[in-house]
PDB file of all heavy atoms in Angstrom:
ATOM      1  N   LEU A   1      -6.051  -0.392  -0.748  1.00  0.00           N
ATOM      2  CA  LEU A   1      -5.232  -1.507  -0.273  1.00  0.00           C
ATOM      3  C   LEU A   1      -5.908  -2.220   0.900  1.00  0.00           C
ATOM      4  O   LEU A   1      -5.832  -3.454   1.014  1.00  0.00           O
ATOM      5  CB  LEU A   1      -3.838  -1.021   0.127  1.00  0.00           C
ATOM      6  CG  LEU A   1      -2.930  -0.565  -1.014  1.00  0.00           C
ATOM      7  CD1 LEU A   1      -1.661   0.066  -0.466  1.00  0.00           C
ATOM      8  CD2 LEU A   1      -2.581  -1.726  -1.945  1.00  0.00           C
ATOM      9  N   ASP A   2      -6.559  -1.456   1.755  1.00  0.00           N
ATOM     10  CA  ASP A   2      -7.333  -2.061   2.847  1.00  0.00           C
ATOM     11  C   ASP A   2      -8.422  -2.979   2.293  1.00  0.00           C
ATOM     12  O   ASP A   2      -8.661  -4.078   2.805  1.00  0.00           O
ATOM     13  CB  ASP A   2      -7.986  -0.979   3.707  1.00  0.00           C
ATOM     14  CG  ASP A   2      -6.997  -0.239   4.600  1.00  0.00           C
ATOM     15  OD1 ASP A   2      -5.907  -0.786   4.871  1.00  0.00           O
ATOM     16  OD2 ASP A   2      -7.323   0.894   5.024  1.00  0.00           O
ATOM     17  N   VAL A   3      -9.090  -2.518   1.234  1.00  0.00           N
ATOM     18  CA  VAL A   3     -10.147  -3.311   0.604  1.00  0.00           C
ATOM     19  C   VAL A   3      -9.576  -4.612   0.039  1.00  0.00           C
ATOM     20  O   VAL A   3     -10.152  -5.699   0.224  1.00  0.00           O
ATOM     21  CB  VAL A   3     -10.853  -2.505  -0.505  1.00  0.00           C
ATOM     22  CG1 VAL A   3     -11.798  -3.383  -1.316  1.00  0.00           C
ATOM     23  CG2 VAL A   3     -11.603  -1.318   0.086  1.00  0.00           C
ATOM     24  N   CYS A   4      -8.456  -4.515  -0.661  1.00  0.00           N
ATOM     25  CA  CYS A   4      -7.824  -5.714  -1.228  1.00  0.00           C
ATOM     26  C   CYS A   4      -7.487  -6.718  -0.134  1.00  0.00           C
ATOM     27  O   CYS A   4      -7.716  -7.931  -0.290  1.00  0.00           O
ATOM     28  CB  CYS A   4      -6.555  -5.332  -1.988  1.00  0.00           C
ATOM     29  SG  CYS A   4      -6.833  -4.405  -3.506  1.00  0.00           S
ATOM     30  N   LYS A   5      -6.957  -6.225   0.968  1.00  0.00           N
ATOM     31  CA  LYS A   5      -6.617  -7.099   2.091  1.00  0.00           C
ATOM     32  C   LYS A   5      -7.875  -7.779   2.628  1.00  0.00           C
ATOM     33  O   LYS A   5      -7.884  -8.985   2.912  1.00  0.00           O
ATOM     34  CB  LYS A   5      -5.966  -6.271   3.196  1.00  0.00           C
ATOM     35  CG  LYS A   5      -5.349  -7.079   4.317  1.00  0.00           C
ATOM     36  CD  LYS A   5      -3.947  -7.500   3.941  1.00  0.00           C
ATOM     37  CE  LYS A   5      -3.175  -7.975   5.151  1.00  0.00           C
ATOM     38  NZ  LYS A   5      -1.774  -8.319   4.813  1.00  0.00           N
ATOM     39  N   GLU A   6      -8.934  -7.000   2.740  1.00  0.00           N
ATOM     40  CA  GLU A   6     -10.199  -7.511   3.277  1.00  0.00           C
ATOM     41  C   GLU A   6     -10.760  -8.645   2.431  1.00  0.00           C
ATOM     42  O   GLU A   6     -11.270  -9.642   2.963  1.00  0.00           O
ATOM     43  CB  GLU A   6     -11.214  -6.370   3.364  1.00  0.00           C
ATOM     44  CG  GLU A   6     -12.591  -6.783   3.839  1.00  0.00           C
ATOM     45  CD  GLU A   6     -13.631  -5.692   3.644  1.00  0.00           C
ATOM     46  OE1 GLU A   6     -13.262  -4.505   3.580  1.00  0.00           O
ATOM     47  OE2 GLU A   6     -14.831  -6.034   3.537  1.00  0.00           O
ATOM     48  N   VAL A   7     -10.673  -8.510   1.101  1.00  0.00           N
ATOM     49  CA  VAL A   7     -11.283  -9.509   0.215  1.00  0.00           C
ATOM     50  C   VAL A   7     -10.317 -10.619  -0.186  1.00  0.00           C
ATOM     51  O   VAL A   7     -10.671 -11.511  -0.954  1.00  0.00           O
ATOM     52  CB  VAL A   7     -11.875  -8.840  -1.052  1.00  0.00           C
ATOM     53  CG1 VAL A   7     -12.960  -7.849  -0.667  1.00  0.00           C
ATOM     54  CG2 VAL A   7     -10.787  -8.176  -1.896  1.00  0.00           C
ATOM     55  N   GLY A   8      -9.077 -10.578   0.314  1.00  0.00           N
ATOM     56  CA  GLY A   8      -8.145 -11.670   0.075  1.00  0.00           C
ATOM     57  C   GLY A   8      -7.349 -11.601  -1.205  1.00  0.00           C
ATOM     58  O   GLY A   8      -6.836 -12.621  -1.674  1.00  0.00           O
ATOM     59  N   ILE A   9      -7.224 -10.399  -1.778  1.00  0.00           N
ATOM     60  CA  ILE A   9      -6.377 -10.222  -2.956  1.00  0.00           C
ATOM     61  C   ILE A   9      -4.988  -9.759  -2.509  1.00  0.00           C
ATOM     62  O   ILE A   9      -4.859  -8.786  -1.757  1.00  0.00           O
ATOM     63  CB  ILE A   9      -6.981  -9.196  -3.935  1.00  0.00           C
ATOM     64  CG1 ILE A   9      -8.218  -9.784  -4.624  1.00  0.00           C
ATOM     65  CG2 ILE A   9      -5.960  -8.767  -4.986  1.00  0.00           C
ATOM     66  CD1 ILE A   9      -8.874  -8.848  -5.622  1.00  0.00           C
ATOM     67  N   ASP A  10      -3.953 -10.467  -2.942  1.00  0.00           N
ATOM     68  CA  ASP A  10      -2.580 -10.039  -2.663  1.00  0.00           C
ATOM     69  C   ASP A  10      -2.272  -8.772  -3.457  1.00  0.00           C
ATOM     70  O   ASP A  10      -2.637  -8.679  -4.637  1.00  0.00           O
ATOM     71  CB  ASP A  10      -1.582 -11.126  -3.061  1.00  0.00           C
ATOM     72  CG  ASP A  10      -1.679 -12.368  -2.190  1.00  0.00           C
ATOM     73  OD1 ASP A  10      -2.148 -12.244  -1.043  1.00  0.00           O
ATOM     74  OD2 ASP A  10      -1.291 -13.442  -2.662  1.00  0.00           O
ATOM     75  N   THR A  11      -1.589  -7.821  -2.832  1.00  0.00           N
ATOM     76  CA  THR A  11      -1.290  -6.572  -3.515  1.00  0.00           C
ATOM     77  C   THR A  11       0.199  -6.251  -3.492  1.00  0.00           C
ATOM     78  O   THR A  11       0.946  -6.738  -2.638  1.00  0.00           O
ATOM     79  CB  THR A  11      -2.045  -5.382  -2.890  1.00  0.00           C
ATOM     80  OG1 THR A  11      -1.734  -5.311  -1.484  1.00  0.00           O
ATOM     81  CG2 THR A  11      -3.538  -5.524  -3.081  1.00  0.00           C
ATOM     82  N   SER A  12       0.590  -5.429  -4.443  1.00  0.00           N
ATOM     83  CA  SER A  12       1.974  -4.971  -4.512  1.00  0.00           C
ATOM     84  C   SER A  12       2.012  -3.573  -5.111  1.00  0.00           C
ATOM     85  O   SER A  12       1.056  -3.119  -5.746  1.00  0.00           O
ATOM     86  CB  SER A  12       2.813  -5.929  -5.360  1.00  0.00           C
ATOM     87  OG  SER A  12       2.338  -5.950  -6.698  1.00  0.00           O
ATOM     88  N   LEU A  13       3.143  -2.911  -4.906  1.00  0.00           N
ATOM     89  CA  LEU A  13       3.357  -1.565  -5.430  1.00  0.00           C
ATOM     90  C   LEU A  13       4.675  -1.519  -6.192  1.00  0.00           C
ATOM     91  O   LEU A  13       5.707  -1.957  -5.674  1.00  0.00           O
ATOM     92  CB  LEU A  13       3.468  -0.546  -4.289  1.00  0.00           C
ATOM     93  CG  LEU A  13       2.219   0.025  -3.642  1.00  0.00           C
ATOM     94  CD1 LEU A  13       2.637   0.935  -2.490  1.00  0.00           C
ATOM     95  CD2 LEU A  13       1.407   0.795  -4.659  1.00  0.00           C
ATOM     96  N   THR A  14       4.645  -0.996  -7.407  1.00  0.00           N
ATOM     97  CA  THR A  14       5.865  -0.592  -8.093  1.00  0.00           C
ATOM     98  C   THR A  14       5.827   0.924  -8.149  1.00  0.00           C
ATOM     99  O   THR A  14       4.897   1.506  -8.709  1.00  0.00           O
ATOM    100  CB  THR A  14       5.957  -1.200  -9.503  1.00  0.00           C
ATOM    101  OG1 THR A  14       6.046  -2.625  -9.386  1.00  0.00           O
ATOM    102  CG2 THR A  14       7.190  -0.695 -10.224  1.00  0.00           C
ATOM    103  N   THR A  15       6.815   1.577  -7.568  1.00  0.00           N
ATOM    104  CA  THR A  15       6.724   2.994  -7.263  1.00  0.00           C
ATOM    105  C   THR A  15       8.097   3.647  -7.257  1.00  0.00           C
ATOM    106  O   THR A  15       9.112   2.966  -7.077  1.00  0.00           O
ATOM    107  CB  THR A  15       6.077   3.164  -5.865  1.00  0.00           C
ATOM    108  OG1 THR A  15       6.187   4.512  -5.421  1.00  0.00           O
ATOM    109  CG2 THR A  15       6.753   2.283  -4.818  1.00  0.00           C
ATOM    110  N   ASN A  16       8.138   4.965  -7.441  1.00  0.00           N
ATOM    111  CA  ASN A  16       9.406   5.667  -7.220  1.00  0.00           C
ATOM    112  C   ASN A  16       9.538   6.098  -5.766  1.00  0.00           C
ATOM    113  O   ASN A  16      10.585   6.573  -5.349  1.00  0.00           O
ATOM    114  CB  ASN A  16       9.583   6.853  -8.179  1.00  0.00           C
ATOM    115  CG  ASN A  16       8.524   7.936  -8.017  1.00  0.00           C
ATOM    116  OD1 ASN A  16       8.162   8.341  -6.908  1.00  0.00           O
ATOM    117  ND2 ASN A  16       8.032   8.450  -9.152  1.00  0.00           N
ATOM    118  N   SER A  17       8.480   5.964  -4.991  1.00  0.00           N
ATOM    119  CA  SER A  17       8.407   6.139  -3.532  1.00  0.00           C
ATOM    120  C   SER A  17       8.628   7.563  -3.035  1.00  0.00           C
ATOM    121  O   SER A  17       8.598   7.788  -1.820  1.00  0.00           O
ATOM    122  CB  SER A  17       9.368   5.173  -2.808  1.00  0.00           C
ATOM    123  OG  SER A  17      10.665   5.687  -2.689  1.00  0.00           O
ATOM    124  N   VAL A  18       8.819   8.509  -3.924  1.00  0.00           N
ATOM    125  CA  VAL A  18       9.024   9.892  -3.469  1.00  0.00           C
ATOM    126  C   VAL A  18       7.828  10.407  -2.661  1.00  0.00           C
ATOM    127  O   VAL A  18       8.013  11.108  -1.660  1.00  0.00           O
ATOM    128  CB  VAL A  18       9.341  10.819  -4.663  1.00  0.00           C
ATOM    129  CG1 VAL A  18       9.389  12.278  -4.223  1.00  0.00           C
ATOM    130  CG2 VAL A  18      10.672  10.419  -5.304  1.00  0.00           C
ATOM    131  N   PRO A  19       6.568  10.071  -3.030  1.00  0.00           N
ATOM    132  CA  PRO A  19       5.432  10.576  -2.251  1.00  0.00           C
ATOM    133  C   PRO A  19       5.187   9.840  -0.928  1.00  0.00           C
ATOM    134  O   PRO A  19       4.209  10.133  -0.239  1.00  0.00           O
ATOM    135  CB  PRO A  19       4.235  10.374  -3.199  1.00  0.00           C
ATOM    136  CG  PRO A  19       4.825  10.175  -4.556  1.00  0.00           C
ATOM    137  CD  PRO A  19       6.114   9.478  -4.295  1.00  0.00           C
ATOM    138  N   PHE A  20       6.028   8.881  -0.570  1.00  0.00           N
ATOM    139  CA  PHE A  20       5.843   8.187   0.706  1.00  0.00           C
ATOM    140  C   PHE A  20       5.960   9.173   1.871  1.00  0.00           C
ATOM    141  O   PHE A  20       6.740  10.125   1.826  1.00  0.00           O
ATOM    142  CB  PHE A  20       6.915   7.104   0.896  1.00  0.00           C
ATOM    143  CG  PHE A  20       6.656   5.810   0.180  1.00  0.00           C
ATOM    144  CD1 PHE A  20       5.965   5.758  -1.012  1.00  0.00           C
ATOM    145  CD2 PHE A  20       7.144   4.620   0.693  1.00  0.00           C
ATOM    146  CE1 PHE A  20       5.751   4.561  -1.684  1.00  0.00           C
ATOM    147  CE2 PHE A  20       6.939   3.409   0.051  1.00  0.00           C
ATOM    148  CZ  PHE A  20       6.245   3.378  -1.142  1.00  0.00           C
ATOM    149  N   ASN A  21       5.176   8.904   2.921  1.00  0.00           N
ATOM    150  CA  ASN A  21       5.347   9.606   4.196  1.00  0.00           C
ATOM    151  C   ASN A  21       5.091   8.589   5.304  1.00  0.00           C
ATOM    152  O   ASN A  21       4.789   7.422   5.024  1.00  0.00           O
ATOM    153  CB  ASN A  21       4.400  10.811   4.297  1.00  0.00           C
ATOM    154  CG  ASN A  21       2.943  10.433   4.085  1.00  0.00           C
ATOM    155  OD1 ASN A  21       2.434   9.507   4.713  1.00  0.00           O
ATOM    156  ND2 ASN A  21       2.261  11.131   3.172  1.00  0.00           N
ATOM    157  N   GLU A  22       5.212   8.991   6.553  1.00  0.00           N
ATOM    158  CA  GLU A  22       5.098   8.019   7.649  1.00  0.00           C
ATOM    159  C   GLU A  22       3.738   7.340   7.672  1.00  0.00           C
ATOM    160  O   GLU A  22       3.632   6.138   7.936  1.00  0.00           O
ATOM    161  CB  GLU A  22       5.375   8.710   8.990  1.00  0.00           C
ATOM    162  CG  GLU A  22       6.839   9.063   9.181  1.00  0.00           C
ATOM    163  CD  GLU A  22       7.174   9.360  10.635  1.00  0.00           C
ATOM    164  OE1 GLU A  22       6.417   8.941  11.525  1.00  0.00           O
ATOM    165  OE2 GLU A  22       8.201  10.006  10.860  1.00  0.00           O
ATOM    166  N   THR A  23       2.676   8.096   7.360  1.00  0.00           N
ATOM    167  CA  THR A  23       1.331   7.538   7.436  1.00  0.00           C
ATOM    168  C   THR A  23       1.064   6.530   6.321  1.00  0.00           C
ATOM    169  O   THR A  23       0.641   5.396   6.573  1.00  0.00           O
ATOM    170  CB  THR A  23       0.277   8.648   7.374  1.00  0.00           C
ATOM    171  OG1 THR A  23       0.488   9.553   8.459  1.00  0.00           O
ATOM    172  CG2 THR A  23      -1.128   8.071   7.477  1.00  0.00           C
ATOM    173  N   ASN A  24       1.313   6.936   5.064  1.00  0.00           N
ATOM    174  CA  ASN A  24       0.994   6.000   3.981  1.00  0.00           C
ATOM    175  C   ASN A  24       1.988   4.841   3.917  1.00  0.00           C
ATOM    176  O   ASN A  24       1.631   3.730   3.504  1.00  0.00           O
ATOM    177  CB  ASN A  24       0.845   6.716   2.629  1.00  0.00           C
ATOM    178  CG  ASN A  24       2.099   7.386   2.117  1.00  0.00           C
ATOM    179  OD1 ASN A  24       3.218   7.047   2.484  1.00  0.00           O
ATOM    180  ND2 ASN A  24       1.921   8.364   1.236  1.00  0.00           N
ATOM    181  N   THR A  25       3.236   5.060   4.324  1.00  0.00           N
ATOM    182  CA  THR A  25       4.211   3.970   4.324  1.00  0.00           C
ATOM    183  C   THR A  25       3.771   2.857   5.264  1.00  0.00           C
ATOM    184  O   THR A  25       3.885   1.666   4.941  1.00  0.00           O
ATOM    185  CB  THR A  25       5.607   4.475   4.720  1.00  0.00           C
ATOM    186  OG1 THR A  25       6.019   5.493   3.808  1.00  0.00           O
ATOM    187  CG2 THR A  25       6.629   3.347   4.678  1.00  0.00           C
ATOM    188  N   GLU A  26       3.247   3.228   6.421  1.00  0.00           N
ATOM    189  CA  GLU A  26       2.726   2.236   7.365  1.00  0.00           C
ATOM    190  C   GLU A  26       1.635   1.389   6.714  1.00  0.00           C
ATOM    191  O   GLU A  26       1.627   0.163   6.818  1.00  0.00           O
ATOM    192  CB  GLU A  26       2.166   2.950   8.596  1.00  0.00           C
ATOM    193  CG  GLU A  26       1.305   2.102   9.505  1.00  0.00           C
ATOM    194  CD  GLU A  26       2.091   1.226  10.454  1.00  0.00           C
ATOM    195  OE1 GLU A  26       3.249   1.573  10.756  1.00  0.00           O
ATOM    196  OE2 GLU A  26       1.549   0.199  10.883  1.00  0.00           O
ATOM    197  N   ASN A  27       0.719   2.055   5.994  1.00  0.00           N
ATOM    198  CA  ASN A  27      -0.361   1.341   5.322  1.00  0.00           C
ATOM    199  C   ASN A  27       0.178   0.434   4.222  1.00  0.00           C
ATOM    200  O   ASN A  27      -0.234  -0.723   4.095  1.00  0.00           O
ATOM    201  CB  ASN A  27      -1.365   2.340   4.743  1.00  0.00           C
ATOM    202  CG  ASN A  27      -2.475   1.677   3.949  1.00  0.00           C
ATOM    203  OD1 ASN A  27      -2.295   1.331   2.787  1.00  0.00           O
ATOM    204  ND2 ASN A  27      -3.629   1.491   4.577  1.00  0.00           N
ATOM    205  N   PHE A  28       1.104   0.953   3.426  1.00  0.00           N
ATOM    206  CA  PHE A  28       1.649   0.178   2.316  1.00  0.00           C
ATOM    207  C   PHE A  28       2.337  -1.095   2.817  1.00  0.00           C
ATOM    208  O   PHE A  28       2.123  -2.185   2.275  1.00  0.00           O
ATOM    209  CB  PHE A  28       2.638   1.007   1.509  1.00  0.00           C
ATOM    210  CG  PHE A  28       2.071   2.256   0.884  1.00  0.00           C
ATOM    211  CD1 PHE A  28       2.908   3.313   0.541  1.00  0.00           C
ATOM    212  CD2 PHE A  28       0.711   2.390   0.646  1.00  0.00           C
ATOM    213  CE1 PHE A  28       2.389   4.468  -0.044  1.00  0.00           C
ATOM    214  CE2 PHE A  28       0.184   3.541   0.075  1.00  0.00           C
ATOM    215  CZ  PHE A  28       1.034   4.587  -0.271  1.00  0.00           C
TER     216      PHE A  28
END
């Protein structure tokens, strides 16, 4: 996702979100 942001591609997530935690949620 960092790479996509760097190169100017818009990103999105379709997810059940169960694996989210404080660290990855911040990034997402």
